[in-house]
Amino acid sequence: MNKIKLFATAALTAGALFSMESPASAQTIGFKVGQTFSKFDTDGNNSAQDYLAKFGGGGFLRFGLAGIGMQAELLALTKGSKTDGATGVETSTRLDYIEVPVLARFGLGMAPMISPYVMVG
């Protein structure tokens, strides 16, 4: 929990510094779509579990300056698992999630659009 508080404080401080540094900082709006793979981890379950593959997606808002920025996302994902029971009946458990990750983005080069970057969050 202390790591989360430390990261949140660092992210808010960085956001405040960038907003003071340039009021018209660059913003990017984009979309994400992709496949998710998930599986429940249960103890004492004798049935064979397999990964559940579903599609998920959402959008993001990225803002920042000079290779350092923040990215907030809104994602709709389905997670769960497939189970082959002892009777040979296949069942699947699916849970729908709305996730709101907030990420810090650090560019590793001079050209922000084409250089590699690291995201933490």
PDB file of N, CA and C in Angstrom:
ATOM      1  N   MET A   1       0.823  -1.178   0.000  1.00  0.00           N
ATOM      2  CA  MET A   1       0.000   0.000   0.000  1.00  0.00           C
ATOM      3  C   MET A   1       0.878   1.257   0.000  1.00  0.00           C
ATOM      4  N   ASN A   2       2.017   1.187   0.683  1.00  0.00           N
ATOM      5  CA  ASN A   2       2.908   2.347   0.712  1.00  0.00           C
ATOM      6  C   ASN A   2       3.474   2.658  -0.673  1.00  0.00           C
ATOM      7  N   LYS A   3       3.711   1.595  -1.483  1.00  0.00           N
ATOM      8  CA  LYS A   3       4.212   1.828  -2.840  1.00  0.00           C
ATOM      9  C   LYS A   3       3.169   2.549  -3.677  1.00  0.00           C
ATOM     10  N   ILE A   4       1.907   2.204  -3.485  1.00  0.00           N
ATOM     11  CA  ILE A   4       0.846   2.862  -4.238  1.00  0.00           C
ATOM     12  C   ILE A   4       0.759   4.329  -3.846  1.00  0.00           C
ATOM     13  N   LYS A   5       0.846   4.629  -2.540  1.00  0.00           N
ATOM     14  CA  LYS A   5       0.801   6.017  -2.089  1.00  0.00           C
ATOM     15  C   LYS A   5       1.994   6.799  -2.630  1.00  0.00           C
ATOM     16  N   LEU A   6       3.172   6.178  -2.615  1.00  0.00           N
ATOM     17  CA  LEU A   6       4.373   6.830  -3.128  1.00  0.00           C
ATOM     18  C   LEU A   6       4.237   7.124  -4.616  1.00  0.00           C
ATOM     19  N   PHE A   7       3.740   6.143  -5.386  1.00  0.00           N
ATOM     20  CA  PHE A   7       3.560   6.352  -6.820  1.00  0.00           C
ATOM     21  C   PHE A   7       2.524   7.433  -7.095  1.00  0.00           C
ATOM     22  N   ALA A   8       1.419   7.410  -6.362  1.00  0.00           N
ATOM     23  CA  ALA A   8       0.367   8.416  -6.561  1.00  0.00           C
ATOM     24  C   ALA A   8       0.896   9.815  -6.264  1.00  0.00           C
ATOM     25  N   THR A   9       1.688   9.946  -5.210  1.00  0.00           N
ATOM     26  CA  THR A   9       2.263  11.249  -4.871  1.00  0.00           C
ATOM     27  C   THR A   9       3.222  11.713  -5.958  1.00  0.00           C
ATOM     28  N   ALA A  10       4.059  10.798  -6.457  1.00  0.00           N
ATOM     29  CA  ALA A  10       4.997  11.153  -7.521  1.00  0.00           C
ATOM     30  C   ALA A  10       4.258  11.541  -8.799  1.00  0.00           C
ATOM     31  N   ALA A  11       3.191  10.811  -9.118  1.00  0.00           N
ATOM     32  CA  ALA A  11       2.422  11.105 -10.332  1.00  0.00           C
ATOM     33  C   ALA A  11       1.733  12.462 -10.231  1.00  0.00           C
ATOM     34  N   LEU A  12       1.148  12.756  -9.085  1.00  0.00           N
ATOM     35  CA  LEU A  12       0.489  14.049  -8.907  1.00  0.00           C
ATOM     36  C   LEU A  12       1.493  15.201  -8.942  1.00  0.00           C
ATOM     37  N   THR A  13       2.657  14.982  -8.338  1.00  0.00           N
ATOM     38  CA  THR A  13       3.699  16.011  -8.352  1.00  0.00           C
ATOM     39  C   THR A  13       4.179  16.257  -9.777  1.00  0.00           C
ATOM     40  N   ALA A  14       4.409  15.171 -10.524  1.00  0.00           N
ATOM     41  CA  ALA A  14       4.858  15.320 -11.906  1.00  0.00           C
ATOM     42  C   ALA A  14       3.789  16.012 -12.743  1.00  0.00           C
ATOM     43  N   GLY A  15       2.536  15.653 -12.535  1.00  0.00           N
ATOM     44  CA  GLY A  15       1.448  16.303 -13.267  1.00  0.00           C
ATOM     45  C   GLY A  15       1.364  17.775 -12.962  1.00  0.00           C
ATOM     46  N   ALA A  16       1.546  18.139 -11.694  1.00  0.00           N
ATOM     47  CA  ALA A  16       1.500  19.547 -11.310  1.00  0.00           C
ATOM     48  C   ALA A  16       2.670  20.310 -11.927  1.00  0.00           C
ATOM     49  N   LEU A  17       3.856  19.707 -11.952  1.00  0.00           N
ATOM     50  CA  LEU A  17       5.019  20.364 -12.541  1.00  0.00           C
ATOM     51  C   LEU A  17       4.819  20.606 -14.027  1.00  0.00           C
ATOM     52  N   PHE A  18       4.277  19.605 -14.741  1.00  0.00           N
ATOM     53  CA  PHE A  18       4.091  19.765 -16.177  1.00  0.00           C
ATOM     54  C   PHE A  18       3.006  20.783 -16.479  1.00  0.00           C
ATOM     55  N   SER A  19       1.971  20.826 -15.657  1.00  0.00           N
ATOM     56  CA  SER A  19       0.918  21.799 -15.926  1.00  0.00           C
ATOM     57  C   SER A  19       1.403  23.217 -15.635  1.00  0.00           C
ATOM     58  N   MET A  20       2.333  23.389 -14.680  1.00  0.00           N
ATOM     59  CA  MET A  20       2.886  24.719 -14.419  1.00  0.00           C
ATOM     60  C   MET A  20       3.890  25.100 -15.499  1.00  0.00           C
ATOM     61  N   GLU A  21       4.599  24.086 -16.030  1.00  0.00           N
ATOM     62  CA  GLU A  21       5.641  24.365 -16.996  1.00  0.00           C
ATOM     63  C   GLU A  21       5.073  24.845 -18.333  1.00  0.00           C
ATOM     64  N   SER A  22       3.984  24.242 -18.761  1.00  0.00           N
ATOM     65  CA  SER A  22       3.401  24.617 -20.039  1.00  0.00           C
ATOM     66  C   SER A  22       1.894  24.418 -19.971  1.00  0.00           C
ATOM     67  N   PRO A  23       1.130  25.494 -19.958  1.00  0.00           N
ATOM     68  CA  PRO A  23      -0.313  25.331 -19.870  1.00  0.00           C
ATOM     69  C   PRO A  23      -0.921  24.682 -21.111  1.00  0.00           C
ATOM     70  N   ALA A  24      -0.260  24.782 -22.249  1.00  0.00           N
ATOM     71  CA  ALA A  24      -0.779  24.187 -23.477  1.00  0.00           C
ATOM     72  C   ALA A  24       0.039  22.950 -23.842  1.00  0.00           C
ATOM     73  N   SER A  25       0.146  21.994 -22.932  1.00  0.00           N
ATOM     74  CA  SER A  25       0.931  20.794 -23.200  1.00  0.00           C
ATOM     75  C   SER A  25       0.217  19.925 -24.232  1.00  0.00           C
ATOM     76  N   ALA A  26       0.980  19.100 -24.903  1.00  0.00           N
ATOM     77  CA  ALA A  26       0.446  18.252 -25.959  1.00  0.00           C
ATOM     78  C   ALA A  26      -0.476  17.189 -25.371  1.00  0.00           C
ATOM     79  N   GLN A  27      -1.593  16.951 -26.050  1.00  0.00           N
ATOM     80  CA  GLN A  27      -2.535  15.923 -25.642  1.00  0.00           C
ATOM     81  C   GLN A  27      -2.781  14.987 -26.816  1.00  0.00           C
ATOM     82  N   THR A  28      -2.952  13.710 -26.481  1.00  0.00           N
ATOM     83  CA  THR A  28      -3.245  12.706 -27.487  1.00  0.00           C
ATOM     84  C   THR A  28      -4.423  11.882 -27.013  1.00  0.00           C
ATOM     85  N   ILE A  29      -5.397  11.683 -27.892  1.00  0.00           N
ATOM     86  CA  ILE A  29      -6.528  10.816 -27.605  1.00  0.00           C
ATOM     87  C   ILE A  29      -6.417   9.626 -28.539  1.00  0.00           C
ATOM     88  N   GLY A  30      -6.588   8.431 -27.986  1.00  0.00           N
ATOM     89  CA  GLY A  30      -6.468   7.245 -28.822  1.00  0.00           C
ATOM     90  C   GLY A  30      -7.332   6.111 -28.332  1.00  0.00           C
ATOM     91  N   PHE A  31      -7.312   5.034 -29.072  1.00  0.00           N
ATOM     92  CA  PHE A  31      -8.105   3.860 -28.750  1.00  0.00           C
ATOM     93  C   PHE A  31      -7.223   2.630 -28.693  1.00  0.00           C
ATOM     94  N   LYS A  32      -7.646   1.646 -27.896  1.00  0.00           N
ATOM     95  CA  LYS A  32      -6.931   0.386 -27.759  1.00  0.00           C
ATOM     96  C   LYS A  32      -7.917  -0.744 -27.968  1.00  0.00           C
ATOM     97  N   VAL A  33      -7.480  -1.782 -28.629  1.00  0.00           N
ATOM     98  CA  VAL A  33      -8.281  -2.992 -28.761  1.00  0.00           C
ATOM     99  C   VAL A  33      -7.304  -4.167 -28.818  1.00  0.00           C
ATOM    100  N   GLY A  34      -7.687  -5.265 -28.223  1.00  0.00           N
ATOM    101  CA  GLY A  34      -6.805  -6.422 -28.219  1.00  0.00           C
ATOM    102  C   GLY A  34      -7.439  -7.597 -27.511  1.00  0.00           C
ATOM    103  N   GLN A  35      -6.739  -8.689 -27.546  1.00  0.00           N
ATOM    104  CA  GLN A  35      -7.247  -9.906 -26.939  1.00  0.00           C
ATOM    105  C   GLN A  35      -6.714 -10.054 -25.521  1.00  0.00           C
ATOM    106  N   THR A  36      -7.571 -10.529 -24.625  1.00  0.00           N
ATOM    107  CA  THR A  36      -7.171 -10.790 -23.246  1.00  0.00           C
ATOM    108  C   THR A  36      -7.166 -12.292 -23.011  1.00  0.00           C
ATOM    109  N   PHE A  37      -6.217 -12.758 -22.197  1.00  0.00           N
ATOM    110  CA  PHE A  37      -6.137 -14.155 -21.789  1.00  0.00           C
ATOM    111  C   PHE A  37      -6.148 -14.172 -20.271  1.00  0.00           C
ATOM    112  N   SER A  38      -7.058 -14.909 -19.678  1.00  0.00           N
ATOM    113  CA  SER A  38      -7.127 -14.951 -18.224  1.00  0.00           C
ATOM    114  C   SER A  38      -7.514 -16.349 -17.757  1.00  0.00           C
ATOM    115  N   LYS A  39      -7.140 -16.659 -16.504  1.00  0.00           N
ATOM    116  CA  LYS A  39      -7.443 -17.950 -15.902  1.00  0.00           C
ATOM    117  C   LYS A  39      -7.490 -17.777 -14.399  1.00  0.00           C
ATOM    118  N   PHE A  40      -8.508 -18.349 -13.754  1.00  0.00           N
ATOM    119  CA  PHE A  40      -8.600 -18.301 -12.299  1.00  0.00           C
ATOM    120  C   PHE A  40      -7.596 -19.257 -11.680  1.00  0.00           C
ATOM    121  N   ASP A  41      -7.071 -18.884 -10.540  1.00  0.00           N
ATOM    122  CA  ASP A  41      -6.173 -19.754  -9.786  1.00  0.00           C
ATOM    123  C   ASP A  41      -6.914 -20.173  -8.519  1.00  0.00           C
ATOM    124  N   THR A  42      -7.361 -21.411  -8.490  1.00  0.00           N
ATOM    125  CA  THR A  42      -8.114 -21.905  -7.331  1.00  0.00           C
ATOM    126  C   THR A  42      -7.384 -23.088  -6.727  1.00  0.00           C
ATOM    127  N   ASP A  43      -7.345 -23.140  -5.407  1.00  0.00           N
ATOM    128  CA  ASP A  43      -6.728 -24.260  -4.698  1.00  0.00           C
ATOM    129  C   ASP A  43      -7.770 -25.356  -4.479  1.00  0.00           C
ATOM    130  N   GLY A  44      -7.344 -26.598  -4.594  1.00  0.00           N
ATOM    131  CA  GLY A  44      -8.223 -27.713  -4.304  1.00  0.00           C
ATOM    132  C   GLY A  44      -9.213 -28.038  -5.401  1.00  0.00           C
ATOM    133  N   ASN A  45      -9.077 -27.437  -6.543  1.00  0.00           N
ATOM    134  CA  ASN A  45      -9.981 -27.703  -7.653  1.00  0.00           C
ATOM    135  C   ASN A  45      -9.362 -28.796  -8.519  1.00  0.00           C
ATOM    136  N   ASN A  46     -10.050 -29.931  -8.647  1.00  0.00           N
ATOM    137  CA  ASN A  46      -9.507 -31.071  -9.380  1.00  0.00           C
ATOM    138  C   ASN A  46      -9.805 -31.023 -10.878  1.00  0.00           C
ATOM    139  N   SER A  47     -10.614 -30.086 -11.301  1.00  0.00           N
ATOM    140  CA  SER A  47     -10.943 -30.006 -12.717  1.00  0.00           C
ATOM    141  C   SER A  47      -9.857 -29.233 -13.463  1.00  0.00           C
ATOM    142  N   ALA A  48      -9.717 -29.548 -14.739  1.00  0.00           N
ATOM    143  CA  ALA A  48      -8.700 -28.896 -15.570  1.00  0.00           C
ATOM    144  C   ALA A  48      -9.214 -27.531 -16.017  1.00  0.00           C
ATOM    145  N   GLN A  49      -8.450 -26.500 -15.723  1.00  0.00           N
ATOM    146  CA  GLN A  49      -8.837 -25.150 -16.131  1.00  0.00           C
ATOM    147  C   GLN A  49      -7.995 -24.729 -17.323  1.00  0.00           C
ATOM    148  N   ASP A  50      -8.616 -23.969 -18.187  1.00  0.00           N
ATOM    149  CA  ASP A  50      -7.942 -23.463 -19.372  1.00  0.00           C
ATOM    150  C   ASP A  50      -8.133 -21.948 -19.429  1.00  0.00           C
ATOM    151  N   TYR A  51      -7.303 -21.291 -20.214  1.00  0.00           N
ATOM    152  CA  TYR A  51      -7.401 -19.842 -20.348  1.00  0.00           C
ATOM    153  C   TYR A  51      -8.665 -19.461 -21.111  1.00  0.00           C
ATOM    154  N   LEU A  52      -9.252 -18.349 -20.732  1.00  0.00           N
ATOM    155  CA  LEU A  52     -10.387 -17.774 -21.443  1.00  0.00           C
ATOM    156  C   LEU A  52      -9.848 -16.632 -22.293  1.00  0.00           C
ATOM    157  N   ALA A  53     -10.091 -16.698 -23.597  1.00  0.00           N
ATOM    158  CA  ALA A  53      -9.611 -15.659 -24.521  1.00  0.00           C
ATOM    159  C   ALA A  53     -10.805 -14.837 -24.988  1.00  0.00           C
ATOM    160  N   LYS A  54     -10.758 -13.534 -24.750  1.00  0.00           N
ATOM    161  CA  LYS A  54     -11.809 -12.602 -25.159  1.00  0.00           C
ATOM    162  C   LYS A  54     -11.169 -11.332 -25.689  1.00  0.00           C
ATOM    163  N   PHE A  55     -11.942 -10.537 -26.408  1.00  0.00           N
ATOM    164  CA  PHE A  55     -11.471  -9.242 -26.871  1.00  0.00           C
ATOM    165  C   PHE A  55     -11.876  -8.154 -25.888  1.00  0.00           C
ATOM    166  N   GLY A  56     -11.030  -7.162 -25.750  1.00  0.00           N
ATOM    167  CA  GLY A  56     -11.312  -6.022 -24.891  1.00  0.00           C
ATOM    168  C   GLY A  56     -10.828  -4.755 -25.578  1.00  0.00           C
ATOM    169  N   GLY A  57     -11.240  -3.627 -25.055  1.00  0.00           N
ATOM    170  CA  GLY A  57     -10.796  -2.383 -25.655  1.00  0.00           C
ATOM    171  C   GLY A  57     -11.234  -1.182 -24.854  1.00  0.00           C
ATOM    172  N   GLY A  58     -10.859  -0.032 -25.341  1.00  0.00           N
ATOM    173  CA  GLY A  58     -11.201   1.214 -24.667  1.00  0.00           C
ATOM    174  C   GLY A  58     -10.453   2.367 -25.296  1.00  0.00           C
ATOM    175  N   GLY A  59     -10.327   3.430 -24.532  1.00  0.00           N
ATOM    176  CA  GLY A  59      -9.647   4.616 -25.023  1.00  0.00           C
ATOM    177  C   GLY A  59      -8.669   5.155 -24.005  1.00  0.00           C
ATOM    178  N   PHE A  60      -7.839   6.088 -24.450  1.00  0.00           N
ATOM    179  CA  PHE A  60      -6.871   6.699 -23.541  1.00  0.00           C
ATOM    180  C   PHE A  60      -6.712   8.176 -23.857  1.00  0.00           C
ATOM    181  N   LEU A  61      -6.251   8.897 -22.859  1.00  0.00           N
ATOM    182  CA  LEU A  61      -5.906  10.310 -22.974  1.00  0.00           C
ATOM    183  C   LEU A  61      -4.494  10.459 -22.432  1.00  0.00           C
ATOM    184  N   ARG A  62      -3.587  10.914 -23.290  1.00  0.00           N
ATOM    185  CA  ARG A  62      -2.180  11.081 -22.905  1.00  0.00           C
ATOM    186  C   ARG A  62      -1.836  12.557 -22.960  1.00  0.00           C
ATOM    187  N   PHE A  63      -1.164  13.046 -21.928  1.00  0.00           N
ATOM    188  CA  PHE A  63      -0.715  14.430 -21.932  1.00  0.00           C
ATOM    189  C   PHE A  63       0.650  14.509 -21.283  1.00  0.00           C
ATOM    190  N   GLY A  64       1.447  15.470 -21.705  1.00  0.00           N
ATOM    191  CA  GLY A  64       2.782  15.616 -21.154  1.00  0.00           C
ATOM    192  C   GLY A  64       3.627  16.515 -22.023  1.00  0.00           C
ATOM    193  N   LEU A  65       4.915  16.539 -21.691  1.00  0.00           N
ATOM    194  CA  LEU A  65       5.837  17.429 -22.382  1.00  0.00           C
ATOM    195  C   LEU A  65       7.240  16.858 -22.292  1.00  0.00           C
ATOM    196  N   ALA A  66       7.989  16.974 -23.362  1.00  0.00           N
ATOM    197  CA  ALA A  66       9.407  16.620 -23.408  1.00  0.00           C
ATOM    198  C   ALA A  66       9.677  15.171 -23.016  1.00  0.00           C
ATOM    199  N   GLY A  67       8.884  14.248 -23.518  1.00  0.00           N
ATOM    200  CA  GLY A  67       9.145  12.831 -23.294  1.00  0.00           C
ATOM    201  C   GLY A  67       8.635  12.277 -21.978  1.00  0.00           C
ATOM    202  N   ILE A  68       8.051  13.090 -21.126  1.00  0.00           N
ATOM    203  CA  ILE A  68       7.505  12.616 -19.847  1.00  0.00           C
ATOM    204  C   ILE A  68       6.039  13.010 -19.814  1.00  0.00           C
ATOM    205  N   GLY A  69       5.200  12.063 -19.438  1.00  0.00           N
ATOM    206  CA  GLY A  69       3.778  12.380 -19.433  1.00  0.00           C
ATOM    207  C   GLY A  69       2.969  11.405 -18.610  1.00  0.00           C
ATOM    208  N   MET A  70       1.673  11.615 -18.634  1.00  0.00           N
ATOM    209  CA  MET A  70       0.718  10.758 -17.930  1.00  0.00           C
ATOM    210  C   MET A  70      -0.276  10.238 -18.961  1.00  0.00           C
ATOM    211  N   GLN A  71      -0.773   9.038 -18.727  1.00  0.00           N
ATOM    212  CA  GLN A  71      -1.778   8.457 -19.610  1.00  0.00           C
ATOM    213  C   GLN A  71      -2.877   7.830 -18.766  1.00  0.00           C
ATOM    214  N   ALA A  72      -4.097   8.277 -18.934  1.00  0.00           N
ATOM    215  CA  ALA A  72      -5.261   7.704 -18.260  1.00  0.00           C
ATOM    216  C   ALA A  72      -6.056   6.915 -19.289  1.00  0.00           C
ATOM    217  N   GLU A  73      -6.496   5.715 -18.888  1.00  0.00           N
ATOM    218  CA  GLU A  73      -7.207   4.842 -19.810  1.00  0.00           C
ATOM    219  C   GLU A  73      -8.555   4.435 -19.223  1.00  0.00           C
ATOM    220  N   LEU A  74      -9.483   4.086 -20.070  1.00  0.00           N
ATOM    221  CA  LEU A  74     -10.765   3.526 -19.682  1.00  0.00           C
ATOM    222  C   LEU A  74     -10.955   2.288 -20.552  1.00  0.00           C
ATOM    223  N   LEU A  75     -10.889   1.093 -19.911  1.00  0.00           N
ATOM    224  CA  LEU A  75     -10.907  -0.164 -20.647  1.00  0.00           C
ATOM    225  C   LEU A  75     -12.078  -1.035 -20.214  1.00  0.00           C
ATOM    226  N   ALA A  76     -12.719  -1.696 -21.171  1.00  0.00           N
ATOM    227  CA  ALA A  76     -13.768  -2.681 -20.900  1.00  0.00           C
ATOM    228  C   ALA A  76     -13.190  -4.052 -21.242  1.00  0.00           C
ATOM    229  N   LEU A  77     -13.056  -4.922 -20.230  1.00  0.00           N
ATOM    230  CA  LEU A  77     -12.407  -6.216 -20.392  1.00  0.00           C
ATOM    231  C   LEU A  77     -13.281  -7.334 -19.842  1.00  0.00           C
ATOM    232  N   THR A  78     -13.130  -8.527 -20.405  1.00  0.00           N
ATOM    233  CA  THR A  78     -13.783  -9.719 -19.888  1.00  0.00           C
ATOM    234  C   THR A  78     -12.695 -10.678 -19.436  1.00  0.00           C
ATOM    235  N   LYS A  79     -12.811 -11.151 -18.203  1.00  0.00           N
ATOM    236  CA  LYS A  79     -11.835 -12.086 -17.642  1.00  0.00           C
ATOM    237  C   LYS A  79     -12.573 -13.298 -17.113  1.00  0.00           C
ATOM    238  N   GLY A  80     -11.879 -14.409 -16.961  1.00  0.00           N
ATOM    239  CA  GLY A  80     -12.498 -15.620 -16.443  1.00  0.00           C
ATOM    240  C   GLY A  80     -11.671 -16.837 -16.772  1.00  0.00           C
ATOM    241  N   SER A  81     -12.333 -18.012 -16.865  1.00  0.00           N
ATOM    242  CA  SER A  81     -11.645 -19.250 -17.203  1.00  0.00           C
ATOM    243  C   SER A  81     -12.638 -20.255 -17.742  1.00  0.00           C
ATOM    244  N   LYS A  82     -12.115 -21.255 -18.455  1.00  0.00           N
ATOM    245  CA  LYS A  82     -12.900 -22.392 -18.914  1.00  0.00           C
ATOM    246  C   LYS A  82     -12.529 -23.580 -18.043  1.00  0.00           C
ATOM    247  N   THR A  83     -13.497 -24.415 -17.734  1.00  0.00           N
ATOM    248  CA  THR A  83     -13.247 -25.566 -16.880  1.00  0.00           C
ATOM    249  C   THR A  83     -13.827 -26.819 -17.522  1.00  0.00           C
ATOM    250  N   ASP A  84     -13.006 -27.856 -17.617  1.00  0.00           N
ATOM    251  CA  ASP A  84     -13.485 -29.175 -18.023  1.00  0.00           C
ATOM    252  C   ASP A  84     -13.762 -29.951 -16.750  1.00  0.00           C
ATOM    253  N   GLY A  85     -15.019 -30.133 -16.411  1.00  0.00           N
ATOM    254  CA  GLY A  85     -15.407 -30.802 -15.175  1.00  0.00           C
ATOM    255  C   GLY A  85     -15.145 -32.295 -15.234  1.00  0.00           C
ATOM    256  N   ALA A  86     -15.304 -32.959 -14.088  1.00  0.00           N
ATOM    257  CA  ALA A  86     -15.082 -34.396 -13.984  1.00  0.00           C
ATOM    258  C   ALA A  86     -16.093 -35.176 -14.826  1.00  0.00           C
ATOM    259  N   THR A  87     -17.258 -34.594 -15.089  1.00  0.00           N
ATOM    260  CA  THR A  87     -18.291 -35.271 -15.875  1.00  0.00           C
ATOM    261  C   THR A  87     -18.117 -35.039 -17.366  1.00  0.00           C
ATOM    262  N   GLY A  88     -17.115 -34.288 -17.761  1.00  0.00           N
ATOM    263  CA  GLY A  88     -16.855 -34.023 -19.164  1.00  0.00           C
ATOM    264  C   GLY A  88     -17.611 -32.822 -19.704  1.00  0.00           C
ATOM    265  N   VAL A  89     -18.291 -32.087 -18.841  1.00  0.00           N
ATOM    266  CA  VAL A  89     -19.033 -30.900 -19.257  1.00  0.00           C
ATOM    267  C   VAL A  89     -18.116 -29.687 -19.154  1.00  0.00           C
ATOM    268  N   GLU A  90     -18.043 -28.930 -20.245  1.00  0.00           N
ATOM    269  CA  GLU A  90     -17.207 -27.726 -20.242  1.00  0.00           C
ATOM    270  C   GLU A  90     -18.041 -26.530 -19.795  1.00  0.00           C
ATOM    271  N   THR A  91     -17.542 -25.802 -18.805  1.00  0.00           N
ATOM    272  CA  THR A  91     -18.207 -24.586 -18.339  1.00  0.00           C
ATOM    273  C   THR A  91     -17.216 -23.432 -18.418  1.00  0.00           C
ATOM    274  N   SER A  92     -17.757 -22.247 -18.512  1.00  0.00           N
ATOM    275  CA  SER A  92     -16.878 -21.076 -18.506  1.00  0.00           C
ATOM    276  C   SER A  92     -17.443 -20.046 -17.540  1.00  0.00           C
ATOM    277  N   THR A  93     -16.532 -19.372 -16.863  1.00  0.00           N
ATOM    278  CA  THR A  93     -16.888 -18.292 -15.958  1.00  0.00           C
ATOM    279  C   THR A  93     -16.342 -17.010 -16.553  1.00  0.00           C
ATOM    280  N   ARG A  94     -17.221 -16.033 -16.734  1.00  0.00           N
ATOM    281  CA  ARG A  94     -16.808 -14.763 -17.325  1.00  0.00           C
ATOM    282  C   ARG A  94     -17.228 -13.626 -16.411  1.00  0.00           C
ATOM    283  N   LEU A  95     -16.315 -12.698 -16.202  1.00  0.00           N
ATOM    284  CA  LEU A  95     -16.578 -11.492 -15.414  1.00  0.00           C
ATOM    285  C   LEU A  95     -16.217 -10.283 -16.273  1.00  0.00           C
ATOM    286  N   ASP A  96     -17.139  -9.346 -16.357  1.00  0.00           N
ATOM    287  CA  ASP A  96     -16.899  -8.124 -17.126  1.00  0.00           C
ATOM    288  C   ASP A  96     -16.372  -7.034 -16.195  1.00  0.00           C
ATOM    289  N   TYR A  97     -15.296  -6.384 -16.620  1.00  0.00           N
ATOM    290  CA  TYR A  97     -14.637  -5.360 -15.814  1.00  0.00           C
ATOM    291  C   TYR A  97     -14.572  -4.045 -16.580  1.00  0.00           C
ATOM    292  N   ILE A  98     -14.607  -2.951 -15.845  1.00  0.00           N
ATOM    293  CA  ILE A  98     -14.232  -1.633 -16.341  1.00  0.00           C
ATOM    294  C   ILE A  98     -12.988  -1.246 -15.546  1.00  0.00           C
ATOM    295  N   GLU A  99     -11.870  -1.098 -16.225  1.00  0.00           N
ATOM    296  CA  GLU A  99     -10.612  -0.746 -15.570  1.00  0.00           C
ATOM    297  C   GLU A  99     -10.217   0.674 -15.948  1.00  0.00           C
ATOM    298  N   VAL A 100      -9.644   1.395 -14.974  1.00  0.00           N
ATOM    299  CA  VAL A 100      -9.204   2.773 -15.186  1.00  0.00           C
ATOM    300  C   VAL A 100      -7.742   2.889 -14.737  1.00  0.00           C
ATOM    301  N   PRO A 101      -6.797   2.395 -15.555  1.00  0.00           N
ATOM    302  CA  PRO A 101      -5.394   2.546 -15.184  1.00  0.00           C
ATOM    303  C   PRO A 101      -4.883   3.959 -15.456  1.00  0.00           C
ATOM    304  N   VAL A 102      -3.988   4.430 -14.602  1.00  0.00           N
ATOM    305  CA  VAL A 102      -3.302   5.711 -14.794  1.00  0.00           C
ATOM    306  C   VAL A 102      -1.814   5.386 -14.840  1.00  0.00           C
ATOM    307  N   LEU A 103      -1.167   5.778 -15.917  1.00  0.00           N
ATOM    308  CA  LEU A 103       0.212   5.394 -16.171  1.00  0.00           C
ATOM    309  C   LEU A 103       1.107   6.621 -16.304  1.00  0.00           C
ATOM    310  N   ALA A 104       2.339   6.488 -15.829  1.00  0.00           N
ATOM    311  CA  ALA A 104       3.376   7.491 -16.080  1.00  0.00           C
ATOM    312  C   ALA A 104       4.176   6.999 -17.280  1.00  0.00           C
ATOM    313  N   ARG A 105       4.465   7.892 -18.212  1.00  0.00           N
ATOM    314  CA  ARG A 105       5.150   7.528 -19.453  1.00  0.00           C
ATOM    315  C   ARG A 105       6.450   8.307 -19.552  1.00  0.00           C
ATOM    316  N   PHE A 106       7.566   7.575 -19.725  1.00  0.00           N
ATOM    317  CA  PHE A 106       8.894   8.175 -19.803  1.00  0.00           C
ATOM    318  C   PHE A 106       9.524   7.817 -21.141  1.00  0.00           C
ATOM    319  N   GLY A 107       9.792   8.823 -21.986  1.00  0.00           N
ATOM    320  CA  GLY A 107      10.448   8.611 -23.268  1.00  0.00           C
ATOM    321  C   GLY A 107      11.934   8.374 -23.086  1.00  0.00           C
ATOM    322  N   LEU A 108      12.495   7.498 -23.928  1.00  0.00           N
ATOM    323  CA  LEU A 108      13.920   7.158 -23.817  1.00  0.00           C
ATOM    324  C   LEU A 108      14.767   7.773 -24.923  1.00  0.00           C
ATOM    325  N   GLY A 109      14.206   8.654 -25.724  1.00  0.00           N
ATOM    326  CA  GLY A 109      14.960   9.267 -26.816  1.00  0.00           C
ATOM    327  C   GLY A 109      14.599  10.725 -26.981  1.00  0.00           C
ATOM    328  N   MET A 110      15.178  11.342 -27.992  1.00  0.00           N
ATOM    329  CA  MET A 110      14.947  12.766 -28.217  1.00  0.00           C
ATOM    330  C   MET A 110      13.694  13.025 -29.050  1.00  0.00           C
ATOM    331  N   ALA A 111      13.344  12.128 -29.948  1.00  0.00           N
ATOM    332  CA  ALA A 111      12.158  12.316 -30.792  1.00  0.00           C
ATOM    333  C   ALA A 111      10.978  11.603 -30.122  1.00  0.00           C
ATOM    334  N   PRO A 112      10.042  12.321 -29.503  1.00  0.00           N
ATOM    335  CA  PRO A 112       9.001  11.685 -28.699  1.00  0.00           C
ATOM    336  C   PRO A 112       8.055  10.783 -29.478  1.00  0.00           C
ATOM    337  N   MET A 113       7.846  11.009 -30.768  1.00  0.00           N
ATOM    338  CA  MET A 113       6.886  10.206 -31.514  1.00  0.00           C
ATOM    339  C   MET A 113       7.456   8.873 -31.981  1.00  0.00           C
ATOM    340  N   ILE A 114       8.781   8.748 -32.124  1.00  0.00           N
ATOM    341  CA  ILE A 114       9.347   7.526 -32.675  1.00  0.00           C
ATOM    342  C   ILE A 114      10.305   6.818 -31.724  1.00  0.00           C
ATOM    343  N   SER A 115      10.575   7.363 -30.571  1.00  0.00           N
ATOM    344  CA  SER A 115      11.537   6.740 -29.668  1.00  0.00           C
ATOM    345  C   SER A 115      10.848   5.746 -28.752  1.00  0.00           C
ATOM    346  N   PRO A 116      11.600   4.785 -28.219  1.00  0.00           N
ATOM    347  CA  PRO A 116      11.015   3.850 -27.245  1.00  0.00           C
ATOM    348  C   PRO A 116      10.667   4.579 -25.950  1.00  0.00           C
ATOM    349  N   TYR A 117       9.787   3.975 -25.168  1.00  0.00           N
ATOM    350  CA  TYR A 117       9.353   4.578 -23.909  1.00  0.00           C
ATOM    351  C   TYR A 117       9.052   3.497 -22.882  1.00  0.00           C
ATOM    352  N   VAL A 118       8.982   3.899 -21.630  1.00  0.00           N
ATOM    353  CA  VAL A 118       8.652   3.007 -20.517  1.00  0.00           C
ATOM    354  C   VAL A 118       7.397   3.550 -19.855  1.00  0.00           C
ATOM    355  N   MET A 119       6.461   2.651 -19.557  1.00  0.00           N
ATOM    356  CA  MET A 119       5.229   3.052 -18.864  1.00  0.00           C
ATOM    357  C   MET A 119       5.202   2.370 -17.502  1.00  0.00           C
ATOM    358  N   VAL A 120       4.825   3.133 -16.471  1.00  0.00           N
ATOM    359  CA  VAL A 120       4.747   2.633 -15.101  1.00  0.00           C
ATOM    360  C   VAL A 120       3.383   2.990 -14.553  1.00  0.00           C
ATOM    361  N   GLY A 121       2.734   2.025 -13.924  1.00  0.00           N
ATOM    362  CA  GLY A 121       1.432   2.334 -13.349  1.00  0.00           C
ATOM    363  C   GLY A 121       0.719   1.131 -12.823  1.00  0.00           C
TER     364      GLY A 121
END
